[in-house]
Amino acid sequence: MPTTRGGVGLIAAVIAGAAVAIGLGVFGRVHDPQFFAINVAGFSSPTAVKSWMATLSVVLALFQLGSAMVMYRL
């Protein structure tokens, strides 16, 4: 009977993600911000950019779920 190593891969992915998150948090805490703004043409404010990007992320996630359902015929 073959042994599955799915649990080991999942644990490794979680540990790697946690290490990246902790590293970015430490980097952000240690370094001072440079105080520059990225101006995105066509948007009235940074909040508008964030809301449109969040909406786009949700739409792409729904598309990915829908295409997976079609691919696996669910």
PDB file of N, CA and C in Angstrom:
ATOM      1  N   MET A   1       0.849  -1.170   0.000  1.00  0.00           N
ATOM      2  CA  MET A   1       0.000   0.000   0.000  1.00  0.00           C
ATOM      3  C   MET A   1       0.897   1.238   0.000  1.00  0.00           C
ATOM      4  N   PRO A   2       0.723   2.149  -0.988  1.00  0.00           N
ATOM      5  CA  PRO A   2       1.577   3.340  -1.045  1.00  0.00           C
ATOM      6  C   PRO A   2       1.242   4.312   0.082  1.00  0.00           C
ATOM      7  N   THR A   3       2.262   4.964   0.550  1.00  0.00           N
ATOM      8  CA  THR A   3       2.050   5.966   1.599  1.00  0.00           C
ATOM      9  C   THR A   3       1.861   7.327   0.955  1.00  0.00           C
ATOM     10  N   THR A   4       0.977   8.103   1.530  1.00  0.00           N
ATOM     11  CA  THR A   4       0.738   9.447   1.008  1.00  0.00           C
ATOM     12  C   THR A   4       1.483  10.452   1.859  1.00  0.00           C
ATOM     13  N   ARG A   5       2.029  11.458   1.205  1.00  0.00           N
ATOM     14  CA  ARG A   5       2.772  12.486   1.907  1.00  0.00           C
ATOM     15  C   ARG A   5       2.097  13.834   1.752  1.00  0.00           C
ATOM     16  N   GLY A   6       0.793  13.840   1.564  1.00  0.00           N
ATOM     17  CA  GLY A   6       0.055  15.088   1.403  1.00  0.00           C
ATOM     18  C   GLY A   6       0.115  15.961   2.633  1.00  0.00           C
ATOM     19  N   GLY A   7       0.102  15.346   3.802  1.00  0.00           N
ATOM     20  CA  GLY A   7       0.168  16.109   5.045  1.00  0.00           C
ATOM     21  C   GLY A   7       1.494  16.823   5.209  1.00  0.00           C
ATOM     22  N   VAL A   8       2.576  16.179   4.793  1.00  0.00           N
ATOM     23  CA  VAL A   8       3.901  16.788   4.901  1.00  0.00           C
ATOM     24  C   VAL A   8       3.997  17.999   3.982  1.00  0.00           C
ATOM     25  N   GLY A   9       3.475  17.889   2.790  1.00  0.00           N
ATOM     26  CA  GLY A   9       3.494  19.021   1.859  1.00  0.00           C
ATOM     27  C   GLY A   9       2.666  20.189   2.356  1.00  0.00           C
ATOM     28  N   LEU A  10       1.519  19.884   2.940  1.00  0.00           N
ATOM     29  CA  LEU A  10       0.666  20.931   3.486  1.00  0.00           C
ATOM     30  C   LEU A  10       1.349  21.644   4.643  1.00  0.00           C
ATOM     31  N   ILE A  11       1.955  20.889   5.528  1.00  0.00           N
ATOM     32  CA  ILE A  11       2.660  21.496   6.662  1.00  0.00           C
ATOM     33  C   ILE A  11       3.826  22.344   6.172  1.00  0.00           C
ATOM     34  N   ALA A  12       4.558  21.866   5.170  1.00  0.00           N
ATOM     35  CA  ALA A  12       5.676  22.635   4.625  1.00  0.00           C
ATOM     36  C   ALA A  12       5.192  23.942   4.003  1.00  0.00           C
ATOM     37  N   ALA A  13       4.069  23.900   3.297  1.00  0.00           N
ATOM     38  CA  ALA A  13       3.531  25.117   2.685  1.00  0.00           C
ATOM     39  C   ALA A  13       3.080  26.115   3.743  1.00  0.00           C
ATOM     40  N   VAL A  14       2.452  25.627   4.806  1.00  0.00           N
ATOM     41  CA  VAL A  14       2.006  26.515   5.888  1.00  0.00           C
ATOM     42  C   VAL A  14       3.203  27.137   6.594  1.00  0.00           C
ATOM     43  N   ILE A  15       4.238  26.350   6.851  1.00  0.00           N
ATOM     44  CA  ILE A  15       5.437  26.882   7.507  1.00  0.00           C
ATOM     45  C   ILE A  15       6.125  27.909   6.618  1.00  0.00           C
ATOM     46  N   ALA A  16       6.215  27.639   5.317  1.00  0.00           N
ATOM     47  CA  ALA A  16       6.836  28.601   4.405  1.00  0.00           C
ATOM     48  C   ALA A  16       6.030  29.897   4.347  1.00  0.00           C
ATOM     49  N   GLY A  17       4.718  29.797   4.286  1.00  0.00           N
ATOM     50  CA  GLY A  17       3.879  30.995   4.270  1.00  0.00           C
ATOM     51  C   GLY A  17       3.997  31.790   5.552  1.00  0.00           C
ATOM     52  N   ALA A  18       4.044  31.092   6.687  1.00  0.00           N
ATOM     53  CA  ALA A  18       4.199  31.781   7.972  1.00  0.00           C
ATOM     54  C   ALA A  18       5.552  32.472   8.057  1.00  0.00           C
ATOM     55  N   ALA A  19       6.601  31.829   7.545  1.00  0.00           N
ATOM     56  CA  ALA A  19       7.931  32.438   7.569  1.00  0.00           C
ATOM     57  C   ALA A  19       7.969  33.707   6.718  1.00  0.00           C
ATOM     58  N   VAL A  20       7.338  33.675   5.558  1.00  0.00           N
ATOM     59  CA  VAL A  20       7.290  34.869   4.706  1.00  0.00           C
ATOM     60  C   VAL A  20       6.505  35.977   5.391  1.00  0.00           C
ATOM     61  N   ALA A  21       5.367  35.642   5.993  1.00  0.00           N
ATOM     62  CA  ALA A  21       4.554  36.648   6.678  1.00  0.00           C
ATOM     63  C   ALA A  21       5.305  37.270   7.851  1.00  0.00           C
ATOM     64  N   ILE A  22       5.989  36.450   8.621  1.00  0.00           N
ATOM     65  CA  ILE A  22       6.764  36.976   9.753  1.00  0.00           C
ATOM     66  C   ILE A  22       7.916  37.833   9.257  1.00  0.00           C
ATOM     67  N   GLY A  23       8.590  37.382   8.210  1.00  0.00           N
ATOM     68  CA  GLY A  23       9.692  38.166   7.650  1.00  0.00           C
ATOM     69  C   GLY A  23       9.239  39.526   7.142  1.00  0.00           C
ATOM     70  N   LEU A  24       8.115  39.573   6.447  1.00  0.00           N
ATOM     71  CA  LEU A  24       7.598  40.854   5.965  1.00  0.00           C
ATOM     72  C   LEU A  24       7.165  41.751   7.116  1.00  0.00           C
ATOM     73  N   GLY A  25       6.594  41.159   8.149  1.00  0.00           N
ATOM     74  CA  GLY A  25       6.200  41.942   9.316  1.00  0.00           C
ATOM     75  C   GLY A  25       7.393  42.542  10.028  1.00  0.00           C
ATOM     76  N   VAL A  26       8.447  41.759  10.191  1.00  0.00           N
ATOM     77  CA  VAL A  26       9.666  42.272  10.829  1.00  0.00           C
ATOM     78  C   VAL A  26      10.294  43.358   9.964  1.00  0.00           C
ATOM     79  N   PHE A  27      10.346  43.141   8.666  1.00  0.00           N
ATOM     80  CA  PHE A  27      10.906  44.147   7.761  1.00  0.00           C
ATOM     81  C   PHE A  27      10.131  45.455   7.861  1.00  0.00           C
ATOM     82  N   GLY A  28       8.814  45.368   7.887  1.00  0.00           N
ATOM     83  CA  GLY A  28       7.989  46.569   7.992  1.00  0.00           C
ATOM     84  C   GLY A  28       8.147  47.272   9.321  1.00  0.00           C
ATOM     85  N   ARG A  29       8.374  46.524  10.378  1.00  0.00           N
ATOM     86  CA  ARG A  29       8.538  47.124  11.705  1.00  0.00           C
ATOM     87  C   ARG A  29       9.912  47.792  11.845  1.00  0.00           C
ATOM     88  N   VAL A  30      10.939  47.202  11.257  1.00  0.00           N
ATOM     89  CA  VAL A  30      12.308  47.698  11.433  1.00  0.00           C
ATOM     90  C   VAL A  30      12.602  48.898  10.540  1.00  0.00           C
ATOM     91  N   HIS A  31      12.098  48.911   9.326  1.00  0.00           N
ATOM     92  CA  HIS A  31      12.427  49.960   8.361  1.00  0.00           C
ATOM     93  C   HIS A  31      11.402  51.087   8.398  1.00  0.00           C
ATOM     94  N   ASP A  32      11.893  52.298   8.245  1.00  0.00           N
ATOM     95  CA  ASP A  32      11.027  53.472   8.173  1.00  0.00           C
ATOM     96  C   ASP A  32      10.456  53.601   6.767  1.00  0.00           C
ATOM     97  N   PRO A  33       9.206  54.056   6.639  1.00  0.00           N
ATOM     98  CA  PRO A  33       8.632  54.255   5.306  1.00  0.00           C
ATOM     99  C   PRO A  33       9.337  55.393   4.578  1.00  0.00           C
ATOM    100  N   GLN A  34       9.320  55.338   3.272  1.00  0.00           N
ATOM    101  CA  GLN A  34      10.002  56.346   2.455  1.00  0.00           C
ATOM    102  C   GLN A  34       9.101  57.516   2.090  1.00  0.00           C
ATOM    103  N   PHE A  35       7.823  57.454   2.401  1.00  0.00           N
ATOM    104  CA  PHE A  35       6.872  58.536   2.176  1.00  0.00           C
ATOM    105  C   PHE A  35       6.789  58.969   0.718  1.00  0.00           C
ATOM    106  N   PHE A  36       6.494  58.042  -0.136  1.00  0.00           N
ATOM    107  CA  PHE A  36       6.194  58.387  -1.515  1.00  0.00           C
ATOM    108  C   PHE A  36       4.890  57.698  -1.890  1.00  0.00           C
ATOM    109  N   ALA A  37       4.172  58.318  -2.775  1.00  0.00           N
ATOM    110  CA  ALA A  37       2.881  57.784  -3.187  1.00  0.00           C
ATOM    111  C   ALA A  37       2.954  57.335  -4.638  1.00  0.00           C
ATOM    112  N   ILE A  38       2.280  56.267  -4.915  1.00  0.00           N
ATOM    113  CA  ILE A  38       2.151  55.801  -6.288  1.00  0.00           C
ATOM    114  C   ILE A  38       0.817  56.311  -6.795  1.00  0.00           C
ATOM    115  N   ASN A  39       0.858  57.152  -7.789  1.00  0.00           N
ATOM    116  CA  ASN A  39      -0.352  57.751  -8.326  1.00  0.00           C
ATOM    117  C   ASN A  39      -0.854  56.888  -9.482  1.00  0.00           C
ATOM    118  N   VAL A  40      -2.039  56.367  -9.339  1.00  0.00           N
ATOM    119  CA  VAL A  40      -2.623  55.524 -10.373  1.00  0.00           C
ATOM    120  C   VAL A  40      -3.613  56.372 -11.159  1.00  0.00           C
ATOM    121  N   ALA A  41      -3.312  56.563 -12.424  1.00  0.00           N
ATOM    122  CA  ALA A  41      -4.151  57.418 -13.259  1.00  0.00           C
ATOM    123  C   ALA A  41      -5.539  56.812 -13.425  1.00  0.00           C
ATOM    124  N   GLY A  42      -6.547  57.670 -13.382  1.00  0.00           N
ATOM    125  CA  GLY A  42      -7.909  57.229 -13.600  1.00  0.00           C
ATOM    126  C   GLY A  42      -8.694  56.986 -12.328  1.00  0.00           C
ATOM    127  N   PHE A  43      -8.043  57.032 -11.191  1.00  0.00           N
ATOM    128  CA  PHE A  43      -8.723  56.820  -9.914  1.00  0.00           C
ATOM    129  C   PHE A  43      -8.657  58.098  -9.095  1.00  0.00           C
ATOM    130  N   SER A  44      -9.718  58.353  -8.341  1.00  0.00           N
ATOM    131  CA  SER A  44      -9.798  59.595  -7.579  1.00  0.00           C
ATOM    132  C   SER A  44      -9.018  59.546  -6.273  1.00  0.00           C
ATOM    133  N   SER A  45      -8.806  58.353  -5.731  1.00  0.00           N
ATOM    134  CA  SER A  45      -8.111  58.243  -4.450  1.00  0.00           C
ATOM    135  C   SER A  45      -7.537  56.833  -4.303  1.00  0.00           C
ATOM    136  N   PRO A  46      -6.633  56.648  -3.354  1.00  0.00           N
ATOM    137  CA  PRO A  46      -6.121  55.295  -3.108  1.00  0.00           C
ATOM    138  C   PRO A  46      -7.212  54.321  -2.652  1.00  0.00           C
ATOM    139  N   THR A  47      -8.224  54.842  -1.964  1.00  0.00           N
ATOM    140  CA  THR A  47      -9.328  53.981  -1.535  1.00  0.00           C
ATOM    141  C   THR A  47     -10.089  53.434  -2.736  1.00  0.00           C
ATOM    142  N   ALA A  48     -10.259  54.256  -3.759  1.00  0.00           N
ATOM    143  CA  ALA A  48     -10.934  53.792  -4.972  1.00  0.00           C
ATOM    144  C   ALA A  48     -10.124  52.690  -5.654  1.00  0.00           C
ATOM    145  N   VAL A  49      -8.806  52.841  -5.678  1.00  0.00           N
ATOM    146  CA  VAL A  49      -7.947  51.814  -6.274  1.00  0.00           C
ATOM    147  C   VAL A  49      -8.095  50.501  -5.502  1.00  0.00           C
ATOM    148  N   LYS A  50      -8.063  50.590  -4.173  1.00  0.00           N
ATOM    149  CA  LYS A  50      -8.170  49.384  -3.353  1.00  0.00           C
ATOM    150  C   LYS A  50      -9.519  48.696  -3.540  1.00  0.00           C
ATOM    151  N   SER A  51     -10.588  49.475  -3.651  1.00  0.00           N
ATOM    152  CA  SER A  51     -11.903  48.859  -3.814  1.00  0.00           C
ATOM    153  C   SER A  51     -12.032  48.189  -5.177  1.00  0.00           C
ATOM    154  N   TRP A  52     -11.507  48.809  -6.227  1.00  0.00           N
ATOM    155  CA  TRP A  52     -11.556  48.188  -7.544  1.00  0.00           C
ATOM    156  C   TRP A  52     -10.684  46.931  -7.601  1.00  0.00           C
ATOM    157  N   MET A  53      -9.524  46.974  -6.968  1.00  0.00           N
ATOM    158  CA  MET A  53      -8.652  45.795  -6.948  1.00  0.00           C
ATOM    159  C   MET A  53      -9.293  44.649  -6.158  1.00  0.00           C
ATOM    160  N   ALA A  54      -9.975  44.979  -5.070  1.00  0.00           N
ATOM    161  CA  ALA A  54     -10.676  43.947  -4.298  1.00  0.00           C
ATOM    162  C   ALA A  54     -11.802  43.336  -5.122  1.00  0.00           C
ATOM    163  N   THR A  55     -12.537  44.184  -5.838  1.00  0.00           N
ATOM    164  CA  THR A  55     -13.611  43.690  -6.699  1.00  0.00           C
ATOM    165  C   THR A  55     -13.057  42.789  -7.793  1.00  0.00           C
ATOM    166  N   LEU A  56     -11.953  43.198  -8.405  1.00  0.00           N
ATOM    167  CA  LEU A  56     -11.319  42.384  -9.440  1.00  0.00           C
ATOM    168  C   LEU A  56     -10.851  41.047  -8.872  1.00  0.00           C
ATOM    169  N   SER A  57     -10.314  41.050  -7.671  1.00  0.00           N
ATOM    170  CA  SER A  57      -9.867  39.805  -7.034  1.00  0.00           C
ATOM    171  C   SER A  57     -11.033  38.851  -6.811  1.00  0.00           C
ATOM    172  N   VAL A  58     -12.156  39.373  -6.366  1.00  0.00           N
ATOM    173  CA  VAL A  58     -13.338  38.531  -6.143  1.00  0.00           C
ATOM    174  C   VAL A  58     -13.843  37.963  -7.466  1.00  0.00           C
ATOM    175  N   VAL A  59     -13.884  38.786  -8.499  1.00  0.00           N
ATOM    176  CA  VAL A  59     -14.343  38.317  -9.812  1.00  0.00           C
ATOM    177  C   VAL A  59     -13.425  37.222 -10.338  1.00  0.00           C
ATOM    178  N   LEU A  60     -12.111  37.408 -10.214  1.00  0.00           N
ATOM    179  CA  LEU A  60     -11.177  36.388 -10.689  1.00  0.00           C
ATOM    180  C   LEU A  60     -11.279  35.103  -9.870  1.00  0.00           C
ATOM    181  N   ALA A  61     -11.504  35.221  -8.565  1.00  0.00           N
ATOM    182  CA  ALA A  61     -11.678  34.030  -7.732  1.00  0.00           C
ATOM    183  C   ALA A  61     -12.936  33.267  -8.132  1.00  0.00           C
ATOM    184  N   LEU A  62     -14.020  33.984  -8.392  1.00  0.00           N
ATOM    185  CA  LEU A  62     -15.255  33.328  -8.832  1.00  0.00           C
ATOM    186  C   LEU A  62     -15.074  32.666 -10.191  1.00  0.00           C
ATOM    187  N   PHE A  63     -14.337  33.321 -11.084  1.00  0.00           N
ATOM    188  CA  PHE A  63     -14.054  32.720 -12.388  1.00  0.00           C
ATOM    189  C   PHE A  63     -13.235  31.442 -12.221  1.00  0.00           C
ATOM    190  N   GLN A  64     -12.257  31.472 -11.325  1.00  0.00           N
ATOM    191  CA  GLN A  64     -11.439  30.288 -11.100  1.00  0.00           C
ATOM    192  C   GLN A  64     -12.280  29.145 -10.543  1.00  0.00           C
ATOM    193  N   LEU A  65     -13.160  29.443  -9.606  1.00  0.00           N
ATOM    194  CA  LEU A  65     -14.042  28.405  -9.069  1.00  0.00           C
ATOM    195  C   LEU A  65     -14.977  27.860 -10.144  1.00  0.00           C
ATOM    196  N   GLY A  66     -15.534  28.755 -10.948  1.00  0.00           N
ATOM    197  CA  GLY A  66     -16.430  28.322 -12.017  1.00  0.00           C
ATOM    198  C   GLY A  66     -15.729  27.468 -13.051  1.00  0.00           C
ATOM    199  N   SER A  67     -14.531  27.860 -13.453  1.00  0.00           N
ATOM    200  CA  SER A  67     -13.805  27.070 -14.444  1.00  0.00           C
ATOM    201  C   SER A  67     -13.375  25.719 -13.873  1.00  0.00           C
ATOM    202  N   ALA A  68     -13.067  25.669 -12.579  1.00  0.00           N
ATOM    203  CA  ALA A  68     -12.740  24.380 -11.956  1.00  0.00           C
ATOM    204  C   ALA A  68     -13.961  23.471 -11.935  1.00  0.00           C
ATOM    205  N   MET A  69     -15.129  24.057 -11.672  1.00  0.00           N
ATOM    206  CA  MET A  69     -16.352  23.251 -11.662  1.00  0.00           C
ATOM    207  C   MET A  69     -16.642  22.692 -13.048  1.00  0.00           C
ATOM    208  N   VAL A  70     -16.396  23.486 -14.085  1.00  0.00           N
ATOM    209  CA  VAL A  70     -16.598  23.003 -15.449  1.00  0.00           C
ATOM    210  C   VAL A  70     -15.574  21.922 -15.776  1.00  0.00           C
ATOM    211  N   MET A  71     -14.328  22.149 -15.366  1.00  0.00           N
ATOM    212  CA  MET A  71     -13.264  21.205 -15.679  1.00  0.00           C
ATOM    213  C   MET A  71     -13.500  19.849 -15.009  1.00  0.00           C
ATOM    214  N   TYR A  72     -13.967  19.870 -13.772  1.00  0.00           N
ATOM    215  CA  TYR A  72     -14.209  18.627 -13.049  1.00  0.00           C
ATOM    216  C   TYR A  72     -15.656  18.165 -13.133  1.00  0.00           C
ATOM    217  N   ARG A  73     -16.461  18.868 -13.925  1.00  0.00           N
ATOM    218  CA  ARG A  73     -17.867  18.525 -14.169  1.00  0.00           C
ATOM    219  C   ARG A  73     -18.652  18.365 -12.863  1.00  0.00           C
ATOM    220  N   LEU A  74     -18.544  19.365 -12.005  1.00  0.00           N
ATOM    221  CA  LEU A  74     -19.272  19.339 -10.726  1.00  0.00           C
ATOM    222  C   LEU A  74     -20.600  20.035 -10.857  1.00  0.00           C
TER     223      LEU A  74
END
